[in-house]
Structures are given as structure tokens and as C-alpha cells.
């Protein structure tokens, strides 16, 4: 996955779920990874 795709996914996740800026990045990354995994599975 290219860097731009990762930025796009993280941006869409933030806008859709309004993740607080103070949230741990690892938690956000894990959540985004699950979202991407689900998107590819379906």
C-alpha cells in the first residue's frame, strides 16, 4: 500500500469517526488496519 493510500485511509477514518487528536496513534492505526482488512475481505 502506498503512503498516499495510508494517509487517505487515516483521513477518512478520522472524518468518519471523529477520532480525538489525543487518541493513541497505535490504537487509531490498529482500528484503521481492521477497517482496511474488512474492506478487502468484503
N, C-alpha and C. Protein backbone atom coordinates (compact mmCIF):
# COMPACT_ATOMS: atom_id res chain seq x y z
N UNK A 1 0.85 -1.20 0.00
CA UNK A 1 0.00 0.00 0.00
C UNK A 1 0.89 1.25 0.00
N UNK A 2 0.55 2.18 -0.83
CA UNK A 2 1.37 3.39 -0.93
C UNK A 2 1.08 4.33 0.23
N UNK A 3 2.00 5.26 0.44
CA UNK A 3 1.87 6.20 1.56
C UNK A 3 0.62 7.06 1.40
N UNK A 4 0.32 7.46 0.17
CA UNK A 4 -0.85 8.31 -0.04
C UNK A 4 -2.13 7.57 0.33
N UNK A 5 -2.18 6.27 0.03
CA UNK A 5 -3.36 5.49 0.39
C UNK A 5 -3.52 5.41 1.89
N UNK A 6 -2.40 5.23 2.61
CA UNK A 6 -2.45 5.17 4.07
C UNK A 6 -2.97 6.49 4.63
N UNK A 7 -2.47 7.60 4.08
CA UNK A 7 -2.91 8.91 4.55
C UNK A 7 -4.39 9.10 4.26
N UNK A 8 -4.83 8.64 3.10
CA UNK A 8 -6.24 8.78 2.73
C UNK A 8 -7.12 7.97 3.68
N UNK A 9 -6.69 6.74 3.96
CA UNK A 9 -7.47 5.87 4.85
C UNK A 9 -7.55 6.48 6.24
N UNK A 10 -6.40 6.93 6.76
CA UNK A 10 -6.41 7.51 8.11
C UNK A 10 -7.27 8.77 8.13
N UNK A 11 -7.24 9.54 7.05
CA UNK A 11 -8.06 10.74 6.99
C UNK A 11 -9.54 10.41 6.95
N UNK A 12 -9.91 9.39 6.18
CA UNK A 12 -11.32 9.02 6.09
C UNK A 12 -11.80 8.43 7.40
N UNK A 13 -10.93 7.68 8.07
CA UNK A 13 -11.32 7.11 9.37
C UNK A 13 -11.53 8.23 10.37
N UNK A 14 -10.63 9.22 10.36
CA UNK A 14 -10.77 10.35 11.28
C UNK A 14 -12.06 11.11 11.02
N UNK A 15 -12.36 11.36 9.75
CA UNK A 15 -13.54 12.15 9.43
C UNK A 15 -14.82 11.36 9.72
N UNK A 16 -14.79 10.06 9.51
CA UNK A 16 -15.99 9.25 9.72
C UNK A 16 -16.29 9.04 11.19
N UNK A 17 -15.22 8.84 11.98
CA UNK A 17 -15.43 8.50 13.38
C UNK A 17 -14.98 9.60 14.32
N UNK A 18 -14.48 10.71 13.75
CA UNK A 18 -14.01 11.86 14.54
C UNK A 18 -13.15 11.40 15.72
N UNK A 19 -12.02 10.79 15.39
CA UNK A 19 -11.10 10.31 16.42
C UNK A 19 -10.46 11.51 17.10
N UNK A 20 -10.46 11.54 18.42
CA UNK A 20 -9.83 12.66 19.14
C UNK A 20 -8.35 12.73 18.81
N UNK A 21 -7.84 13.96 18.72
CA UNK A 21 -6.42 14.15 18.40
C UNK A 21 -5.53 13.53 19.47
N UNK A 22 -6.03 13.43 20.70
CA UNK A 22 -5.23 12.89 21.79
C UNK A 22 -5.23 11.37 21.85
N UNK A 23 -5.99 10.73 20.95
CA UNK A 23 -6.05 9.27 20.98
C UNK A 23 -4.70 8.68 20.62
N UNK A 24 -4.32 7.57 21.25
CA UNK A 24 -3.04 6.93 20.93
C UNK A 24 -2.98 6.55 19.46
N UNK A 25 -1.86 6.88 18.81
CA UNK A 25 -1.74 6.62 17.38
C UNK A 25 -1.84 5.13 17.08
N UNK A 26 -1.30 4.30 17.98
CA UNK A 26 -1.33 2.86 17.74
C UNK A 26 -2.76 2.34 17.72
N UNK A 27 -3.60 2.89 18.59
CA UNK A 27 -5.00 2.46 18.62
C UNK A 27 -5.70 2.86 17.33
N UNK A 28 -5.42 4.07 16.86
CA UNK A 28 -6.01 4.54 15.61
C UNK A 28 -5.52 3.69 14.45
N UNK A 29 -4.22 3.38 14.47
CA UNK A 29 -3.64 2.58 13.39
C UNK A 29 -4.24 1.19 13.37
N UNK A 30 -4.41 0.60 14.54
CA UNK A 30 -5.00 -0.74 14.64
C UNK A 30 -6.43 -0.72 14.11
N UNK A 31 -7.17 0.32 14.48
CA UNK A 31 -8.55 0.45 14.03
C UNK A 31 -8.61 0.61 12.51
N UNK A 32 -7.70 1.44 11.98
CA UNK A 32 -7.66 1.67 10.54
C UNK A 32 -7.30 0.37 9.82
N UNK A 33 -6.37 -0.39 10.39
CA UNK A 33 -5.96 -1.66 9.77
C UNK A 33 -7.14 -2.62 9.72
N UNK A 34 -7.94 -2.65 10.76
CA UNK A 34 -9.11 -3.52 10.78
C UNK A 34 -10.13 -3.06 9.74
N UNK A 35 -10.28 -1.75 9.60
CA UNK A 35 -11.20 -1.21 8.60
C UNK A 35 -10.77 -1.61 7.20
N UNK A 36 -9.46 -1.48 6.93
CA UNK A 36 -8.93 -1.83 5.62
C UNK A 36 -9.07 -3.32 5.39
N UNK A 37 -8.79 -4.12 6.42
CA UNK A 37 -8.92 -5.57 6.29
C UNK A 37 -10.35 -5.96 5.97
N UNK A 38 -11.30 -5.34 6.63
CA UNK A 38 -12.70 -5.63 6.38
C UNK A 38 -13.09 -5.23 4.96
N UNK A 39 -12.56 -4.10 4.51
CA UNK A 39 -12.88 -3.62 3.16
C UNK A 39 -12.38 -4.61 2.11
N UNK A 40 -11.19 -5.18 2.34
CA UNK A 40 -10.64 -6.13 1.37
C UNK A 40 -11.33 -7.48 1.48
N UNK A 41 -11.79 -7.84 2.67
CA UNK A 41 -12.45 -9.14 2.85
C UNK A 41 -13.81 -9.13 2.15
N UNK A 42 -14.50 -8.00 2.21
CA UNK A 42 -15.80 -7.91 1.56
C UNK A 42 -15.63 -7.28 0.20
